[in-house]
């Protein structure tokens, strides 16, 4: 996430942005809940329209 969004924004997004595709969790909460990192990254990419070549 830091590579795509920059370190500061990535930290804020992972801590504060709740995603419905993660069951109403933030990235940090999803990781703590045991969701696979690849699944979380796919949801981040979908939510923030990350271009396919950077996914």
PDB file of N, CA and C in Angstrom:
ATOM      1  N   UNK A   1       0.821  -1.174   0.000  1.00  0.00           N
ATOM      2  CA  UNK A   1       0.000   0.000   0.000  1.00  0.00           C
ATOM      3  C   UNK A   1       0.871   1.247   0.000  1.00  0.00           C
ATOM      4  N   UNK A   2       1.979   1.203   0.713  1.00  0.00           N
ATOM      5  CA  UNK A   2       2.856   2.385   0.771  1.00  0.00           C
ATOM      6  C   UNK A   2       3.394   2.727  -0.608  1.00  0.00           C
ATOM      7  N   UNK A   3       3.678   1.716  -1.387  1.00  0.00           N
ATOM      8  CA  UNK A   3       4.196   1.950  -2.737  1.00  0.00           C
ATOM      9  C   UNK A   3       3.146   2.611  -3.632  1.00  0.00           C
ATOM     10  N   UNK A   4       1.911   2.217  -3.481  1.00  0.00           N
ATOM     11  CA  UNK A   4       0.832   2.745  -4.320  1.00  0.00           C
ATOM     12  C   UNK A   4       0.331   4.108  -3.834  1.00  0.00           C
ATOM     13  N   UNK A   5       0.173   4.274  -2.534  1.00  0.00           N
ATOM     14  CA  UNK A   5      -0.470   5.470  -1.995  1.00  0.00           C
ATOM     15  C   UNK A   5       0.467   6.415  -1.262  1.00  0.00           C
ATOM     16  N   UNK A   6       1.715   6.011  -1.055  1.00  0.00           N
ATOM     17  CA  UNK A   6       2.636   6.794  -0.233  1.00  0.00           C
ATOM     18  C   UNK A   6       2.504   6.345   1.215  1.00  0.00           C
ATOM     19  N   UNK A   7       3.593   6.415   1.986  1.00  0.00           N
ATOM     20  CA  UNK A   7       3.581   5.849   3.340  1.00  0.00           C
ATOM     21  C   UNK A   7       2.536   6.464   4.272  1.00  0.00           C
ATOM     22  N   UNK A   8       2.409   7.765   4.274  1.00  0.00           N
ATOM     23  CA  UNK A   8       1.456   8.409   5.179  1.00  0.00           C
ATOM     24  C   UNK A   8       0.020   8.079   4.858  1.00  0.00           C
ATOM     25  N   UNK A   9      -0.330   8.186   3.586  1.00  0.00           N
ATOM     26  CA  UNK A   9      -1.718   7.906   3.185  1.00  0.00           C
ATOM     27  C   UNK A   9      -2.042   6.424   3.356  1.00  0.00           C
ATOM     28  N   UNK A  10      -1.093   5.557   3.049  1.00  0.00           N
ATOM     29  CA  UNK A  10      -1.318   4.119   3.211  1.00  0.00           C
ATOM     30  C   UNK A  10      -1.611   3.788   4.673  1.00  0.00           C
ATOM     31  N   UNK A  11      -0.862   4.398   5.573  1.00  0.00           N
ATOM     32  CA  UNK A  11      -1.086   4.147   7.004  1.00  0.00           C
ATOM     33  C   UNK A  11      -2.478   4.615   7.423  1.00  0.00           C
ATOM     34  N   UNK A  12      -2.846   5.799   6.972  1.00  0.00           N
ATOM     35  CA  UNK A  12      -4.167   6.339   7.312  1.00  0.00           C
ATOM     36  C   UNK A  12      -5.270   5.476   6.726  1.00  0.00           C
ATOM     37  N   UNK A  13      -5.146   5.092   5.460  1.00  0.00           N
ATOM     38  CA  UNK A  13      -6.168   4.256   4.826  1.00  0.00           C
ATOM     39  C   UNK A  13      -6.303   2.910   5.531  1.00  0.00           C
ATOM     40  N   UNK A  14      -5.189   2.285   5.850  1.00  0.00           N
ATOM     41  CA  UNK A  14      -5.255   0.956   6.455  1.00  0.00           C
ATOM     42  C   UNK A  14      -5.842   1.004   7.861  1.00  0.00           C
ATOM     43  N   UNK A  15      -5.686   2.122   8.528  1.00  0.00           N
ATOM     44  CA  UNK A  15      -6.165   2.256   9.904  1.00  0.00           C
ATOM     45  C   UNK A  15      -7.604   2.782   9.975  1.00  0.00           C
ATOM     46  N   UNK A  16      -7.984   3.669   9.044  1.00  0.00           N
ATOM     47  CA  UNK A  16      -9.240   4.412   9.198  1.00  0.00           C
ATOM     48  C   UNK A  16     -10.330   4.120   8.168  1.00  0.00           C
ATOM     49  N   UNK A  17      -9.989   3.613   6.992  1.00  0.00           N
ATOM     50  CA  UNK A  17     -10.979   3.480   5.920  1.00  0.00           C
ATOM     51  C   UNK A  17     -11.673   2.120   6.015  1.00  0.00           C
ATOM     52  N   UNK A  18     -12.963   2.133   6.287  1.00  0.00           N
ATOM     53  CA  UNK A  18     -13.755   0.910   6.408  1.00  0.00           C
ATOM     54  C   UNK A  18     -14.262   0.518   5.022  1.00  0.00           C
ATOM     55  N   UNK A  19     -14.054  -0.741   4.661  1.00  0.00           N
ATOM     56  CA  UNK A  19     -14.460  -1.241   3.340  1.00  0.00           C
ATOM     57  C   UNK A  19     -15.530  -2.311   3.485  1.00  0.00           C
ATOM     58  N   UNK A  20     -16.617  -2.133   2.762  1.00  0.00           N
ATOM     59  CA  UNK A  20     -17.699  -3.114   2.822  1.00  0.00           C
ATOM     60  C   UNK A  20     -17.231  -4.478   2.322  1.00  0.00           C
ATOM     61  N   UNK A  21     -16.336  -4.482   1.339  1.00  0.00           N
ATOM     62  CA  UNK A  21     -15.821  -5.741   0.802  1.00  0.00           C
ATOM     63  C   UNK A  21     -14.941  -6.509   1.773  1.00  0.00           C
ATOM     64  N   UNK A  22     -14.579  -5.874   2.870  1.00  0.00           N
ATOM     65  CA  UNK A  22     -13.811  -6.543   3.929  1.00  0.00           C
ATOM     66  C   UNK A  22     -14.704  -6.811   5.140  1.00  0.00           C
ATOM     67  N   UNK A  23     -16.000  -6.860   4.892  1.00  0.00           N
ATOM     68  CA  UNK A  23     -16.932  -7.134   5.979  1.00  0.00           C
ATOM     69  C   UNK A  23     -17.106  -5.962   6.925  1.00  0.00           C
ATOM     70  N   UNK A  24     -16.974  -4.748   6.393  1.00  0.00           N
ATOM     71  CA  UNK A  24     -17.115  -3.562   7.225  1.00  0.00           C
ATOM     72  C   UNK A  24     -15.917  -3.344   8.136  1.00  0.00           C
ATOM     73  N   UNK A  25     -14.745  -3.775   7.659  1.00  0.00           N
ATOM     74  CA  UNK A  25     -13.512  -3.644   8.438  1.00  0.00           C
ATOM     75  C   UNK A  25     -12.530  -2.731   7.731  1.00  0.00           C
ATOM     76  N   UNK A  26     -11.564  -2.259   8.490  1.00  0.00           N
ATOM     77  CA  UNK A  26     -10.411  -1.577   7.911  1.00  0.00           C
ATOM     78  C   UNK A  26      -9.414  -2.649   7.484  1.00  0.00           C
ATOM     79  N   UNK A  27      -8.383  -2.248   6.768  1.00  0.00           N
ATOM     80  CA  UNK A  27      -7.327  -3.188   6.381  1.00  0.00           C
ATOM     81  C   UNK A  27      -6.699  -3.797   7.633  1.00  0.00           C
ATOM     82  N   UNK A  28      -6.377  -2.967   8.620  1.00  0.00           N
ATOM     83  CA  UNK A  28      -5.765  -3.483   9.845  1.00  0.00           C
ATOM     84  C   UNK A  28      -6.670  -4.478  10.553  1.00  0.00           C
ATOM     85  N   UNK A  29      -7.959  -4.175  10.632  1.00  0.00           N
ATOM     86  CA  UNK A  29      -8.895  -5.095  11.275  1.00  0.00           C
ATOM     87  C   UNK A  29      -9.016  -6.397  10.494  1.00  0.00           C
ATOM     88  N   UNK A  30      -9.018  -6.298   9.167  1.00  0.00           N
ATOM     89  CA  UNK A  30      -9.112  -7.495   8.329  1.00  0.00           C
ATOM     90  C   UNK A  30      -7.879  -8.378   8.510  1.00  0.00           C
ATOM     91  N   UNK A  31      -6.704  -7.771   8.582  1.00  0.00           N
ATOM     92  CA  UNK A  31      -5.483  -8.548   8.818  1.00  0.00           C
ATOM     93  C   UNK A  31      -5.528  -9.224  10.183  1.00  0.00           C
ATOM     94  N   UNK A  32      -5.949  -8.486  11.194  1.00  0.00           N
ATOM     95  CA  UNK A  32      -6.050  -9.047  12.542  1.00  0.00           C
ATOM     96  C   UNK A  32      -7.058 -10.192  12.587  1.00  0.00           C
ATOM     97  N   UNK A  33      -8.114 -10.078  11.797  1.00  0.00           N
ATOM     98  CA  UNK A  33      -9.145 -11.120  11.748  1.00  0.00           C
ATOM     99  C   UNK A  33      -8.688 -12.348  10.965  1.00  0.00           C
ATOM    100  N   UNK A  34      -7.532 -12.254  10.320  1.00  0.00           N
ATOM    101  CA  UNK A  34      -6.986 -13.403   9.607  1.00  0.00           C
ATOM    102  C   UNK A  34      -7.305 -13.488   8.134  1.00  0.00           C
ATOM    103  N   UNK A  35      -7.875 -12.449   7.548  1.00  0.00           N
ATOM    104  CA  UNK A  35      -8.116 -12.473   6.105  1.00  0.00           C
ATOM    105  C   UNK A  35      -6.777 -12.478   5.376  1.00  0.00           C
ATOM    106  N   UNK A  36      -6.676 -13.221   4.297  1.00  0.00           N
ATOM    107  CA  UNK A  36      -5.422 -13.260   3.543  1.00  0.00           C
ATOM    108  C   UNK A  36      -5.068 -11.891   2.958  1.00  0.00           C
ATOM    109  N   UNK A  37      -3.789 -11.563   3.019  1.00  0.00           N
ATOM    110  CA  UNK A  37      -3.309 -10.262   2.534  1.00  0.00           C
ATOM    111  C   UNK A  37      -3.662 -10.047   1.058  1.00  0.00           C
ATOM    112  N   UNK A  38      -3.585 -11.098   0.242  1.00  0.00           N
ATOM    113  CA  UNK A  38      -3.924 -10.956  -1.181  1.00  0.00           C
ATOM    114  C   UNK A  38      -5.387 -10.570  -1.369  1.00  0.00           C
ATOM    115  N   UNK A  39      -6.256 -11.155  -0.566  1.00  0.00           N
ATOM    116  CA  UNK A  39      -7.683 -10.833  -0.639  1.00  0.00           C
ATOM    117  C   UNK A  39      -7.915  -9.366  -0.242  1.00  0.00           C
ATOM    118  N   UNK A  40      -7.227  -8.938   0.786  1.00  0.00           N
ATOM    119  CA  UNK A  40      -7.342  -7.550   1.236  1.00  0.00           C
ATOM    120  C   UNK A  40      -6.828  -6.608   0.159  1.00  0.00           C
ATOM    121  N   UNK A  41      -5.680  -6.930  -0.422  1.00  0.00           N
ATOM    122  CA  UNK A  41      -5.111  -6.068  -1.464  1.00  0.00           C
ATOM    123  C   UNK A  41      -6.050  -5.976  -2.664  1.00  0.00           C
ATOM    124  N   UNK A  42      -6.672  -7.083  -3.047  1.00  0.00           N
ATOM    125  CA  UNK A  42      -7.632  -7.046  -4.158  1.00  0.00           C
ATOM    126  C   UNK A  42      -8.776  -6.083  -3.852  1.00  0.00           C
ATOM    127  N   UNK A  43      -9.252  -6.111  -2.635  1.00  0.00           N
ATOM    128  CA  UNK A  43     -10.346  -5.206  -2.257  1.00  0.00           C
ATOM    129  C   UNK A  43      -9.885  -3.754  -2.250  1.00  0.00           C
ATOM    130  N   UNK A  44      -8.685  -3.502  -1.772  1.00  0.00           N
ATOM    131  CA  UNK A  44      -8.121  -2.146  -1.798  1.00  0.00           C
ATOM    132  C   UNK A  44      -8.049  -1.661  -3.255  1.00  0.00           C
ATOM    133  N   UNK A  45      -7.546  -2.513  -4.131  1.00  0.00           N
ATOM    134  CA  UNK A  45      -7.414  -2.153  -5.549  1.00  0.00           C
ATOM    135  C   UNK A  45      -8.766  -1.848  -6.175  1.00  0.00           C
ATOM    136  N   UNK A  46      -9.757  -2.641  -5.862  1.00  0.00           N
ATOM    137  CA  UNK A  46     -11.100  -2.418  -6.393  1.00  0.00           C
ATOM    138  C   UNK A  46     -11.679  -1.118  -5.838  1.00  0.00           C
ATOM    139  N   UNK A  47     -11.563  -0.926  -4.547  1.00  0.00           N
ATOM    140  CA  UNK A  47     -12.133   0.251  -3.886  1.00  0.00           C
ATOM    141  C   UNK A  47     -11.527   1.545  -4.405  1.00  0.00           C
ATOM    142  N   UNK A  48     -10.208   1.538  -4.621  1.00  0.00           N
ATOM    143  CA  UNK A  48      -9.515   2.767  -5.009  1.00  0.00           C
ATOM    144  C   UNK A  48      -9.125   2.793  -6.486  1.00  0.00           C
ATOM    145  N   UNK A  49      -9.696   1.912  -7.288  1.00  0.00           N
ATOM    146  CA  UNK A  49      -9.466   1.881  -8.740  1.00  0.00           C
ATOM    147  C   UNK A  49      -7.984   1.872  -9.107  1.00  0.00           C
ATOM    148  N   UNK A  50      -7.223   1.008  -8.452  1.00  0.00           N
ATOM    149  CA  UNK A  50      -5.815   0.850  -8.798  1.00  0.00           C
ATOM    150  C   UNK A  50      -5.750   0.186 -10.172  1.00  0.00           C
ATOM    151  N   UNK A  51      -5.014   0.756 -11.114  1.00  0.00           N
ATOM    152  CA  UNK A  51      -4.938   0.163 -12.462  1.00  0.00           C
ATOM    153  C   UNK A  51      -4.390  -1.268 -12.418  1.00  0.00           C
ATOM    154  N   UNK A  52      -4.891  -2.112 -13.301  1.00  0.00           N
ATOM    155  CA  UNK A  52      -4.499  -3.525 -13.308  1.00  0.00           C
ATOM    156  C   UNK A  52      -2.972  -3.742 -13.341  1.00  0.00           C
ATOM    157  N   UNK A  53      -2.235  -2.892 -14.040  1.00  0.00           N
ATOM    158  CA  UNK A  53      -0.786  -3.096 -14.140  1.00  0.00           C
ATOM    159  C   UNK A  53      -0.057  -2.847 -12.819  1.00  0.00           C
ATOM    160  N   UNK A  54      -0.746  -2.258 -11.837  1.00  0.00           N
ATOM    161  CA  UNK A  54      -0.112  -2.006 -10.537  1.00  0.00           C
ATOM    162  C   UNK A  54      -0.714  -2.849  -9.417  1.00  0.00           C
ATOM    163  N   UNK A  55      -1.531  -3.820  -9.806  1.00  0.00           N
ATOM    164  CA  UNK A  55      -2.184  -4.645  -8.783  1.00  0.00           C
ATOM    165  C   UNK A  55      -1.305  -5.750  -8.323  1.00  0.00           C
TER     166      UNK A  55
END
